[in-house]
Amino acid sequence: MSRNSHLFVVLGATGDLFSRKLLPAIFSLVVDHQAEITVLGAATSDLDEATFQAASRSDLAAAGKSGADSEKWCDHFLHYEKIPTDGDYSNLAQRIQQLEQQHDLAGNRIFYLALPPRVFPVAIQRLGQAGLTRSPGWTRLVIEKPFGRDLQSARRLNSIVHRNFDESQVYRIDHYLGKETVQNLLVFRFSNPIFEASWNRDRIDRVEITVAESLGVGERGGYYDRAGALRDMIQNHLTQILTLVAMETPVVFEADAIRDEKVKVLRSIREINPDHVVLGQYTAGRVDDEPMPAYVDAPDVAGDSQTPTFAAIRLELDSWRWQGVPFYLRTGKAMKERTTQIAVTFRRPPVCIFHGRADSCIDQSDVLFLTLQPDEGFSLEIEVKEPGESGRLRTIPLRFSYSEAFGDIPEAYETLLADVMEGDQTLFVRSDEVEEAWRLYTPLVDTPGEPHPYPAGSWGPEAALDLLGPDVTNWATELL
């Protein structure tokens, strides 16, 4: 028996999340890191184990992980248990004990809720009723986003979680935090004095965080029409990135110390002015030279839907480091290109000495671009003199590419699942973080207002540019 072996129980194992993300990530951990993982898939679907294993072999092949090793692992370490739609988990508990004896496991268990959010409370309560919140080893619960729909529902869900699990057992997963480039934000800031010394209101003019998706809602219209851009992206992904950009130096590099600083950032954000929010909804257009129908024409979307597919927000932090520096969060579906990027614009020189007129220096600002996807890396845009007698300045990038330096980067889920196995909560969201984020955005999701139309394949509604102020002519990401 190995103390490191464990049983990975996936509730909702017949869904897309397991087949496309979790299963390939788990198998990569088995092959690349020699993780000792036995998987029990559980769902309400009436499948036998052989059918589940065969489907999983096909899913791994589709992910580029076919071969004798994957087939052998699926046949020996992948199991399935049907759970009742409205019953308890007593049969699941018995199967877990049987598998732990069969595979000589140490009693370490991970429960992953790959379920629709509306089912989270029931699933958590049933785990508690079946006595599955404790084990001979350790027990950990992984919960997908979205965690609640507003502050009240998030508090209610936290209450149910804490009645059954200790917070030290809970891993609220946000796959954006598993990206290597997101994690490297802390190293970038705190291990490079040249940047840390400039990371404040004296040197930085503004910070823009953009998560743009070129795809529309596709077949997810039913879910998306109940969520929208604020719930789907702003409250979790973009706000989590914001906290890492803005946080103070933690006392030690440990999970709670880091999460303490993230919570302080959230508490420092002023109440959001409705005038600092621009919402949009995409109309018909072209993306990558292909036609895309309007959002309201997507499957399962109401023809008169007012759900925003775009959101841009200006945030202001009342903190010593960031007073007076605006933070802009922007996200949208069906936009011109797919990118996740942080753009840090530094203040212009106080005096323009290389041109005849001061207003010709208006664009003379260094910009640091941290690209999280695709083409992960960073670029520092600086001014240099062109050769010759003209005296003209040109903006030249100093670039770093992760793929060029390190080759392939692990998938986010692979990184996060490895952390769950190790018991490292650094990249996971704590209960008070969730509630502080919902405190900020609940007034907006309660009364979202009418969205501005924007054509698919654009950078969103023109009204979003007005958030940046009269002296700014473009979002930084659009200038690359």
Protein backbone atom coordinates (compact mmCIF):
# COMPACT_ATOMS: atom_id res chain seq x y z
CA MET A 1 0.00 0.00 0.00
CA SER A 2 1.32 3.43 -0.98
CA ARG A 3 0.53 6.47 1.16
CA ASN A 4 0.49 8.50 -2.06
CA SER A 5 -2.11 6.39 -3.86
CA HIS A 6 -5.66 7.69 -3.93
CA LEU A 7 -9.12 7.25 -5.39
CA PHE A 8 -10.32 10.04 -7.68
CA VAL A 9 -14.15 10.09 -7.67
CA VAL A 10 -15.74 12.18 -10.43
CA LEU A 11 -19.42 12.98 -9.95
CA GLY A 12 -20.79 13.74 -13.41
CA ALA A 13 -18.26 11.56 -15.23
CA THR A 14 -20.36 11.20 -18.40
CA GLY A 15 -20.14 14.92 -19.10
CA ASP A 16 -17.96 16.96 -21.42
CA LEU A 17 -15.69 18.25 -18.64
CA PHE A 18 -14.50 14.78 -17.71
CA SER A 19 -13.96 13.55 -21.26
CA ARG A 20 -12.20 16.65 -22.62
CA LYS A 21 -10.31 18.04 -19.62
CA LEU A 22 -10.15 15.86 -16.52
CA LEU A 23 -9.47 12.46 -18.07
CA PRO A 24 -6.51 13.62 -20.24
CA ALA A 25 -5.09 15.59 -17.29
CA ILE A 26 -5.35 12.62 -14.94
CA PHE A 27 -3.71 10.28 -17.45
CA SER A 28 -0.88 12.78 -18.01
CA LEU A 29 -0.23 12.81 -14.27
CA VAL A 30 -0.14 9.02 -14.25
CA VAL A 31 2.32 8.82 -17.18
CA ASP A 32 4.48 11.90 -16.65
CA HIS A 33 4.56 12.06 -12.85
CA GLN A 34 3.94 8.41 -11.90
CA ALA A 35 0.89 9.43 -9.88
CA GLU A 36 -0.94 6.45 -8.40
CA ILE A 37 -4.52 7.24 -9.34
CA THR A 38 -7.57 4.99 -9.48
CA VAL A 39 -10.62 6.71 -10.98
CA LEU A 40 -14.24 6.04 -10.16
CA GLY A 41 -16.64 7.77 -12.50
CA ALA A 42 -20.12 8.27 -11.12
CA ALA A 43 -23.21 9.54 -12.91
CA THR A 44 -26.92 8.89 -13.33
CA SER A 45 -26.43 7.41 -16.83
CA ASP A 46 -27.26 3.72 -17.10
CA LEU A 47 -23.86 2.49 -18.32
CA ASP A 48 -21.87 -0.62 -17.57
CA GLU A 49 -18.21 -0.35 -16.69
CA ALA A 50 -16.96 -1.79 -19.99
CA THR A 51 -18.87 0.85 -21.97
CA PHE A 52 -17.47 3.63 -19.78
CA GLN A 53 -13.93 2.31 -20.22
CA ALA A 54 -14.33 2.04 -24.00
CA ALA A 55 -15.63 5.62 -24.20
CA SER A 56 -12.71 6.80 -22.09
CA ARG A 57 -10.19 5.06 -24.35
CA SER A 58 -11.73 6.95 -27.29
CA ASP A 59 -11.60 10.23 -25.35
CA LEU A 60 -7.90 9.75 -24.59
CA ALA A 61 -7.21 8.92 -28.23
CA ALA A 62 -9.01 12.12 -29.28
CA ALA A 63 -6.71 14.00 -26.88
CA GLY A 64 -3.64 12.47 -28.52
CA LYS A 65 -3.01 9.95 -25.72
CA SER A 66 -3.77 6.65 -27.44
CA GLY A 67 -1.67 3.53 -27.15
CA ALA A 68 -1.19 0.37 -25.15
CA ASP A 69 -0.49 2.28 -21.91
CA SER A 70 -3.76 4.23 -22.05
CA GLU A 71 -5.78 1.13 -22.90
CA LYS A 72 -4.21 -0.85 -20.08
CA TRP A 73 -4.78 1.97 -17.59
CA CYS A 74 -8.43 2.39 -18.61
CA ASP A 75 -9.06 -1.35 -18.28
CA HIS A 76 -7.45 -1.68 -14.85
CA PHE A 77 -7.79 1.68 -13.08
CA LEU A 78 -10.97 3.23 -14.48
CA HIS A 79 -14.31 2.24 -12.96
CA TYR A 80 -17.93 3.33 -13.14
CA GLU A 81 -20.82 3.46 -10.68
CA LYS A 82 -24.38 4.49 -11.49
CA ILE A 83 -25.86 6.77 -8.83
CA PRO A 84 -29.60 7.33 -8.35
CA THR A 85 -31.14 10.59 -9.56
CA ASP A 86 -32.99 11.29 -6.32
CA GLY A 87 -31.49 8.79 -3.90
CA ASP A 88 -28.57 8.68 -1.50
CA TYR A 89 -24.93 7.77 -2.07
CA SER A 90 -24.84 4.63 0.05
CA ASN A 91 -24.11 2.43 -2.98
CA LEU A 92 -21.33 4.84 -3.96
CA ALA A 93 -19.84 4.56 -0.46
CA GLN A 94 -19.88 0.76 -0.66
CA ARG A 95 -18.22 0.81 -4.10
CA ILE A 96 -15.51 3.15 -2.82
CA GLN A 97 -14.67 0.77 0.03
CA GLN A 98 -14.64 -2.18 -2.39
CA LEU A 99 -12.25 -0.42 -4.80
CA GLU A 100 -9.93 0.65 -2.00
CA GLN A 101 -9.61 -2.97 -0.95
CA GLN A 102 -9.26 -4.19 -4.54
CA HIS A 103 -6.47 -1.71 -5.38
CA ASP A 104 -4.91 -1.72 -1.88
CA LEU A 105 -5.42 2.03 -1.48
CA ALA A 106 -4.60 4.07 1.61
CA GLY A 107 -8.03 5.70 1.95
CA ASN A 108 -7.09 8.99 0.29
CA ARG A 109 -10.03 10.36 -1.70
CA ILE A 110 -10.74 13.24 -4.05
CA PHE A 111 -14.36 14.06 -4.91
CA TYR A 112 -14.66 16.20 -8.03
CA LEU A 113 -18.04 17.84 -8.74
CA ALA A 114 -18.15 17.88 -12.55
CA LEU A 115 -21.83 18.71 -12.28
CA PRO A 116 -24.21 21.53 -13.20
CA PRO A 117 -23.94 24.21 -10.49
CA ARG A 118 -27.57 23.77 -9.46
CA VAL A 119 -26.72 20.21 -8.31
CA PHE A 120 -23.77 21.22 -6.08
CA PRO A 121 -25.79 21.59 -2.84
CA VAL A 122 -27.54 18.23 -3.20
CA ALA A 123 -24.34 16.38 -4.12
CA ILE A 124 -22.43 17.85 -1.17
CA GLN A 125 -25.21 16.98 1.26
CA ARG A 126 -25.41 13.41 -0.05
CA LEU A 127 -21.67 12.97 0.38
CA GLY A 128 -22.09 14.05 3.99
CA GLN A 129 -25.09 11.80 4.61
CA ALA A 130 -23.19 8.81 3.22
CA GLY A 131 -20.27 9.44 5.57
CA LEU A 132 -17.92 10.26 2.71
CA THR A 133 -16.54 13.53 4.09
CA ARG A 134 -14.00 11.64 6.20
CA SER A 135 -11.82 8.65 5.36
CA PRO A 136 -8.91 6.58 6.75
CA GLY A 137 -6.57 8.89 4.81
CA TRP A 138 -7.43 12.38 3.56
CA THR A 139 -10.56 13.59 1.76
CA ARG A 140 -10.70 16.59 -0.60
CA LEU A 141 -13.61 18.20 -2.41
CA VAL A 142 -13.14 20.00 -5.75
CA ILE A 143 -15.89 22.38 -6.87
CA GLU A 144 -16.10 23.88 -10.36
CA LYS A 145 -17.15 27.45 -11.01
CA PRO A 146 -19.51 29.23 -10.96
CA PHE A 147 -19.72 29.14 -7.17
CA GLY A 148 -23.14 30.74 -6.68
CA ARG A 149 -25.05 33.22 -8.84
CA ASP A 150 -24.85 36.17 -6.44
CA LEU A 151 -23.74 36.97 -2.90
CA GLN A 152 -26.73 35.34 -1.24
CA SER A 153 -26.46 32.06 -3.14
CA ALA A 154 -22.67 31.95 -2.63
CA ARG A 155 -23.12 32.35 1.12
CA ARG A 156 -25.78 29.63 1.12
CA LEU A 157 -23.52 27.25 -0.80
CA ASN A 158 -20.58 28.02 1.50
CA SER A 159 -22.79 27.20 4.46
CA ILE A 160 -23.68 23.79 2.98
CA VAL A 161 -20.03 23.09 2.19
CA HIS A 162 -18.89 23.98 5.70
CA ARG A 163 -21.57 21.83 7.33
CA ASN A 164 -20.03 18.83 5.61
CA PHE A 165 -16.37 19.70 4.93
CA ASP A 166 -13.70 21.72 6.63
CA GLU A 167 -12.40 24.65 4.53
CA SER A 168 -8.98 22.95 4.48
CA GLN A 169 -10.59 20.12 2.46
CA VAL A 170 -12.20 22.38 -0.16
CA TYR A 171 -10.68 23.29 -3.54
CA ARG A 172 -12.80 25.80 -5.51
CA ILE A 173 -11.23 25.48 -8.92
CA ASP A 174 -10.73 28.27 -11.44
CA HIS A 175 -8.81 26.82 -14.37
CA TYR A 176 -7.36 30.25 -15.29
CA LEU A 177 -5.29 30.10 -12.10
CA GLY A 178 -3.72 26.86 -13.31
CA LYS A 179 -2.10 28.48 -16.33
CA GLU A 180 1.66 28.66 -15.93
CA THR A 181 1.71 32.30 -16.99
CA VAL A 182 -0.85 33.27 -14.34
CA GLN A 183 1.19 31.54 -11.65
CA ASN A 184 4.31 33.25 -12.97
CA LEU A 185 2.76 36.65 -12.20
CA LEU A 186 3.93 36.26 -8.61
CA VAL A 187 7.44 35.24 -9.64
CA PHE A 188 7.55 38.02 -12.23
CA ARG A 189 6.57 40.63 -9.67
CA PHE A 190 8.31 39.53 -6.52
CA SER A 191 11.56 38.04 -7.90
CA ASN A 192 12.44 40.87 -10.26
CA PRO A 193 13.23 44.08 -8.35
CA ILE A 194 13.17 46.13 -11.55
CA PHE A 195 9.42 45.49 -11.84
CA GLU A 196 8.50 45.37 -8.17
CA ALA A 197 10.07 48.80 -7.65
CA SER A 198 7.86 50.18 -10.43
CA TRP A 199 4.67 48.31 -9.49
CA ASN A 200 2.79 51.21 -7.93
CA ARG A 201 0.85 54.43 -8.48
CA ASP A 202 4.04 56.47 -8.96
CA ARG A 203 5.05 54.59 -12.11
CA ILE A 204 1.89 52.97 -13.51
CA ASP A 205 -0.84 54.90 -15.31
CA ARG A 206 -3.42 52.13 -15.76
CA VAL A 207 -3.86 48.36 -15.92
CA GLU A 208 -6.04 46.58 -18.48
CA ILE A 209 -7.03 42.91 -18.24
CA THR A 210 -8.64 41.48 -21.37
CA VAL A 211 -10.09 38.01 -21.88
CA ALA A 212 -11.41 37.94 -25.44
CA GLU A 213 -12.96 34.87 -27.07
CA SER A 214 -13.40 34.62 -30.82
CA LEU A 215 -16.04 31.91 -30.48
CA GLY A 216 -19.71 32.62 -29.83
CA VAL A 217 -21.80 30.68 -27.33
CA GLY A 218 -22.10 27.70 -29.69
CA GLU A 219 -24.23 24.97 -28.10
CA ARG A 220 -23.99 26.49 -24.61
CA GLY A 221 -26.75 29.02 -25.17
CA GLY A 222 -29.00 27.53 -22.51
CA TYR A 223 -26.35 27.90 -19.81
CA TYR A 224 -24.95 31.20 -21.05
CA ASP A 225 -28.33 32.92 -21.26
CA ARG A 226 -28.72 32.36 -17.51
CA ALA A 227 -25.19 33.53 -16.77
CA GLY A 228 -23.87 36.22 -19.10
CA ALA A 229 -20.42 37.80 -19.21
CA LEU A 230 -20.48 39.15 -15.65
CA ARG A 231 -21.19 35.79 -14.02
CA ASP A 232 -19.33 33.64 -16.53
CA MET A 233 -16.04 35.56 -16.66
CA ILE A 234 -15.79 38.82 -14.70
CA GLN A 235 -16.70 37.62 -11.21
CA ASN A 236 -14.22 34.75 -11.30
CA HIS A 237 -11.51 34.60 -13.99
CA LEU A 238 -10.76 38.28 -14.50
CA THR A 239 -11.16 39.22 -10.87
CA GLN A 240 -8.79 36.44 -9.79
CA ILE A 241 -6.17 37.72 -12.25
CA LEU A 242 -6.72 41.24 -10.90
CA THR A 243 -5.97 40.13 -7.34
CA LEU A 244 -2.65 38.60 -8.41
CA VAL A 245 -1.67 41.76 -10.27
CA ALA A 246 -2.62 44.08 -7.41
CA MET A 247 -1.82 42.10 -4.25
CA GLU A 248 0.88 43.08 -1.76
CA THR A 249 3.87 40.86 -1.04
CA PRO A 250 2.78 37.92 1.15
CA VAL A 251 4.68 37.31 4.37
CA VAL A 252 5.53 33.79 3.20
CA PHE A 253 4.85 31.92 -0.03
CA GLU A 254 2.08 29.76 1.42
CA ALA A 255 -1.54 29.26 0.45
CA ASP A 256 -3.25 31.22 3.22
CA ALA A 257 -0.71 34.06 3.19
CA ILE A 258 -1.24 34.54 -0.55
CA ARG A 259 -5.02 34.26 -0.28
CA ASP A 260 -5.06 36.74 2.59
CA GLU A 261 -3.46 39.33 0.31
CA LYS A 262 -5.92 38.57 -2.49
CA VAL A 263 -8.84 39.16 -0.15
CA LYS A 264 -7.35 42.50 0.90
CA VAL A 265 -7.35 43.58 -2.76
CA LEU A 266 -11.03 42.70 -3.11
CA ARG A 267 -11.90 44.61 0.06
CA SER A 268 -10.04 47.67 -1.21
CA ILE A 269 -12.11 47.97 -4.40
CA ARG A 270 -14.61 50.79 -4.27
CA GLU A 271 -18.29 50.22 -4.90
CA ILE A 272 -18.60 50.03 -8.69
CA ASN A 273 -20.09 53.11 -10.31
CA PRO A 274 -22.76 52.03 -12.86
CA ASP A 275 -21.34 54.68 -15.20
CA HIS A 276 -18.07 52.70 -15.18
CA VAL A 277 -19.73 49.60 -16.67
CA VAL A 278 -20.36 48.93 -20.38
CA LEU A 279 -22.24 45.81 -21.42
CA GLY A 280 -22.65 44.49 -24.94
CA GLN A 281 -24.24 41.70 -26.96
CA TYR A 282 -22.90 40.50 -30.30
CA THR A 283 -24.92 40.77 -33.48
CA ALA A 284 -24.32 38.93 -36.75
CA GLY A 285 -20.86 39.39 -38.23
CA ARG A 286 -17.75 37.56 -39.38
CA VAL A 287 -15.02 35.96 -37.27
CA ASP A 288 -11.91 34.65 -39.06
CA ASP A 289 -13.72 35.28 -42.36
CA GLU A 290 -16.52 32.94 -41.34
CA PRO A 291 -20.09 34.18 -40.81
CA MET A 292 -21.39 34.11 -37.24
CA PRO A 293 -25.08 34.56 -36.41
CA ALA A 294 -26.22 36.96 -33.72
CA TYR A 295 -26.30 35.81 -30.11
CA VAL A 296 -30.11 35.83 -30.07
CA ASP A 297 -30.07 33.37 -32.98
CA ALA A 298 -27.97 30.80 -31.09
CA PRO A 299 -29.66 27.56 -29.94
CA ASP A 300 -31.60 27.82 -26.65
CA VAL A 301 -31.28 31.63 -26.50
CA ALA A 302 -34.46 33.71 -26.29
CA GLY A 303 -35.03 35.94 -29.31
CA ASP A 304 -35.47 38.99 -27.06
CA SER A 305 -32.60 38.11 -24.66
CA GLN A 306 -30.82 41.01 -22.97
CA THR A 307 -28.00 38.82 -21.63
CA PRO A 308 -24.64 40.57 -22.06
CA THR A 309 -21.96 38.69 -24.00
CA PHE A 310 -19.47 41.53 -23.39
CA ALA A 311 -18.54 43.50 -20.30
CA ALA A 312 -16.00 46.24 -19.62
CA ILE A 313 -15.60 47.65 -16.11
CA ARG A 314 -13.44 50.33 -14.55
CA LEU A 315 -12.39 49.53 -10.99
CA GLU A 316 -10.72 51.82 -8.46
CA LEU A 317 -8.73 50.57 -5.48
CA ASP A 318 -8.41 52.47 -2.23
CA SER A 319 -4.94 51.30 -1.29
CA TRP A 320 -1.57 52.92 -0.72
CA ARG A 321 -0.03 51.19 -3.73
CA TRP A 322 -2.85 51.74 -6.24
CA GLN A 323 -4.64 54.95 -5.28
CA GLY A 324 -5.57 56.78 -8.47
CA VAL A 325 -4.62 53.94 -10.84
CA PRO A 326 -7.69 52.61 -12.73
CA PHE A 327 -8.00 48.88 -13.42
CA TYR A 328 -10.04 47.87 -16.46
CA LEU A 329 -11.57 44.43 -16.89
CA ARG A 330 -12.85 43.51 -20.35
CA THR A 331 -14.26 40.27 -21.72
CA GLY A 332 -16.46 39.22 -24.59
CA LYS A 333 -17.65 36.48 -26.89
CA ALA A 334 -17.36 36.59 -30.71
CA MET A 335 -14.56 39.13 -30.60
CA LYS A 336 -11.89 39.83 -33.18
CA GLU A 337 -9.39 37.35 -31.79
CA ARG A 338 -8.82 35.00 -28.88
CA THR A 339 -6.48 36.38 -26.26
CA THR A 340 -6.00 36.68 -22.54
CA GLN A 341 -3.69 39.53 -21.72
CA ILE A 342 -2.67 41.96 -19.00
CA ALA A 343 -1.47 45.35 -20.26
CA VAL A 344 0.35 47.54 -17.75
CA THR A 345 0.79 51.07 -19.11
CA PHE A 346 3.50 53.10 -17.38
CA ARG A 347 3.36 56.84 -16.95
CA ARG A 348 4.78 59.05 -19.70
CA PRO A 349 7.97 61.04 -19.13
CA PRO A 350 7.21 64.28 -17.26
CA VAL A 351 8.77 66.39 -20.04
CA CYS A 352 8.88 65.71 -23.78
CA ILE A 353 12.43 66.55 -24.94
CA PHE A 354 12.67 64.64 -28.24
CA HIS A 355 9.95 66.47 -30.15
CA GLY A 356 9.11 70.05 -30.93
CA ARG A 357 5.67 69.97 -29.35
CA ALA A 358 4.65 68.39 -26.06
CA ASP A 359 1.44 66.89 -27.43
CA SER A 360 3.45 64.75 -29.86
CA CYS A 361 4.55 62.69 -26.84
CA ILE A 362 1.02 61.58 -26.08
CA ASP A 363 1.71 57.94 -27.09
CA GLN A 364 5.19 57.81 -25.56
CA SER A 365 4.36 55.33 -22.79
CA ASP A 366 6.10 52.05 -22.09
CA VAL A 367 3.63 49.14 -21.97
CA LEU A 368 4.20 45.73 -20.44
CA PHE A 369 2.07 43.00 -22.02
CA LEU A 370 1.70 39.73 -20.10
CA THR A 371 0.02 37.25 -22.44
CA LEU A 372 -1.65 34.31 -20.74
CA GLN A 373 -3.02 32.68 -23.90
CA PRO A 374 -2.24 31.97 -26.68
CA ASP A 375 1.51 32.43 -27.28
CA GLU A 376 2.25 32.69 -23.56
CA GLY A 377 4.94 35.14 -22.60
CA PHE A 378 5.54 38.85 -22.11
CA SER A 379 6.53 41.85 -24.16
CA LEU A 380 7.86 45.17 -22.89
CA GLU A 381 7.23 47.92 -25.44
CA ILE A 382 9.92 50.62 -25.18
CA GLU A 383 10.98 53.65 -27.23
CA VAL A 384 14.20 53.64 -29.31
CA LYS A 385 15.63 56.09 -31.83
CA GLU A 386 15.47 55.17 -35.50
CA PRO A 387 18.82 55.23 -37.34
CA GLY A 388 19.58 58.38 -39.29
CA GLU A 389 19.18 62.09 -38.76
CA SER A 390 15.39 62.21 -38.42
CA GLY A 391 15.37 61.86 -34.64
CA ARG A 392 12.19 59.83 -34.88
CA LEU A 393 11.35 57.38 -32.10
CA ARG A 394 9.96 53.92 -32.69
CA THR A 395 8.29 51.50 -30.27
CA ILE A 396 10.21 48.22 -30.15
CA PRO A 397 9.17 45.12 -28.15
CA LEU A 398 11.46 43.17 -25.83
CA ARG A 399 9.85 39.73 -25.97
CA PHE A 400 9.94 36.47 -24.03
CA SER A 401 8.13 33.32 -25.17
CA TYR A 402 7.44 30.40 -22.82
CA SER A 403 7.23 27.87 -25.65
CA GLU A 404 10.60 28.95 -27.05
CA ALA A 405 12.26 28.78 -23.65
CA PHE A 406 10.59 25.72 -22.12
CA GLY A 407 8.74 23.86 -24.87
CA ASP A 408 5.23 22.59 -24.16
CA ILE A 409 3.49 24.03 -21.12
CA PRO A 410 1.30 21.74 -18.95
CA GLU A 411 -2.44 22.15 -19.30
CA ALA A 412 -4.11 24.13 -16.52
CA TYR A 413 -6.13 21.18 -15.24
CA GLU A 414 -3.02 19.02 -15.03
CA THR A 415 -1.35 21.63 -12.81
CA LEU A 416 -4.40 22.12 -10.61
CA LEU A 417 -5.13 18.42 -10.14
CA ALA A 418 -1.52 17.86 -9.14
CA ASP A 419 -1.94 20.56 -6.49
CA VAL A 420 -5.12 18.92 -5.18
CA MET A 421 -3.24 15.65 -4.80
CA GLU A 422 -0.43 17.42 -2.96
CA GLY A 423 -2.86 19.32 -0.73
CA ASP A 424 -1.65 22.72 -1.97
CA GLN A 425 -4.52 25.27 -1.93
CA THR A 426 -2.50 28.23 -3.21
CA LEU A 427 -4.20 28.36 -6.63
CA PHE A 428 -7.70 27.71 -5.30
CA VAL A 429 -10.31 30.19 -4.17
CA ARG A 430 -11.14 30.47 -0.48
CA SER A 431 -14.69 30.99 0.80
CA ASP A 432 -14.15 34.64 1.79
CA GLU A 433 -12.65 35.39 -1.64
CA VAL A 434 -15.80 34.12 -3.32
CA GLU A 435 -18.06 36.20 -1.11
CA GLU A 436 -15.99 39.38 -1.46
CA ALA A 437 -16.08 39.06 -5.26
CA TRP A 438 -19.84 38.57 -5.26
CA ARG A 439 -20.22 41.56 -2.95
CA LEU A 440 -18.72 43.68 -5.71
CA TYR A 441 -20.69 42.32 -8.65
CA THR A 442 -24.09 41.33 -7.25
CA PRO A 443 -25.54 44.85 -7.74
CA LEU A 444 -24.51 44.65 -11.40
CA VAL A 445 -25.96 41.19 -12.11
CA ASP A 446 -29.19 42.14 -10.30
CA THR A 447 -29.75 45.18 -12.56
CA PRO A 448 -27.53 44.68 -15.62
CA GLY A 449 -29.11 47.24 -17.95
CA GLU A 450 -29.52 47.03 -21.71
CA PRO A 451 -26.43 45.82 -23.59
CA HIS A 452 -24.90 47.75 -26.49
CA PRO A 453 -24.88 45.84 -29.79
CA TYR A 454 -21.53 45.03 -31.41
CA PRO A 455 -20.85 43.03 -34.57
CA ALA A 456 -19.26 39.61 -34.20
CA GLY A 457 -15.59 39.85 -35.15
CA SER A 458 -15.07 43.30 -33.58
CA TRP A 459 -13.46 44.35 -30.29
CA GLY A 460 -16.85 45.04 -28.70
CA PRO A 461 -19.09 48.11 -28.49
CA GLU A 462 -17.49 51.49 -29.12
CA ALA A 463 -18.89 52.75 -25.82
CA ALA A 464 -16.29 50.66 -23.99
CA LEU A 465 -13.52 52.94 -25.23
CA ASP A 466 -15.06 55.86 -23.35
CA LEU A 467 -14.18 54.14 -20.05
CA LEU A 468 -10.49 54.76 -20.72
CA GLY A 469 -10.82 58.56 -20.73
CA PRO A 470 -10.48 61.28 -23.38
CA ASP A 471 -6.71 60.96 -23.81
CA VAL A 472 -6.72 57.23 -24.63
CA THR A 473 -7.55 56.27 -28.22
CA ASN A 474 -7.37 52.45 -28.00
CA TRP A 475 -7.31 49.55 -25.61
CA ALA A 476 -3.66 48.51 -25.38
CA THR A 477 -4.34 44.95 -26.57
CA GLU A 478 -5.74 46.23 -29.84
CA LEU A 479 -2.48 48.01 -30.69
CA LEU A 480 -0.40 44.81 -30.83
